[in-house]
Amino acid sequence: MRLSECYGITESDIKKEKDVCYIDLHQQLTDLGYYTPLKTKEKRIIPIADCLVPLVHQQSVNHSFIKNHMKPIIRSVGDWELRGLCIHSFRHFFITDTKANEINPLFVESIAGHSLNGIEATYTNFHVADLESIRNWQKKLYSEITGDKK
């Protein structure tokens, strides 16, 4: 997700359907503190692994929270300045790592909010249950980072 989209998530945007959790993403929060439509103007469903739901619910997701927790991670990379790493780099990581883990590129593009090309854009419509591979990738990464085998 884009940073402004993360800022715009409210508790009511976290949904559960048939034991599958997701974020119903339909707005973003600007730096000036008001909500606007998404950059692409199209709402998206972002699957979220069960182990990540408490993080979304427990945290007051705002500009300073995200910056205070993400910047130290970025700065732990030895050559972060030389490489031009920033908070937006997490978005690049998501796209690169999911594709490297053979997640369907159409899933990745639809979640990232990229425009799908050609006829696929017209006829592709994913349901949250279709995106299990994304949730499995999230669980794997969460486990690697935290050591928690949930």
Foldseek 3Di string as FASTA:
>chain_A
DDLQQQQPFDPVQWDADPNWIWGFGFWGADPVGDIDGDPLNDTAIGTAAPVCVCVSVVDNDHDCVLCVVVVVVLVVPPCSVVVVDDSCVVLVVQLVVLVVVVQPNVVNCRNSVHQDDDPCNVPPDDDSVVRVSSNVVNQVVVCVVPVDND
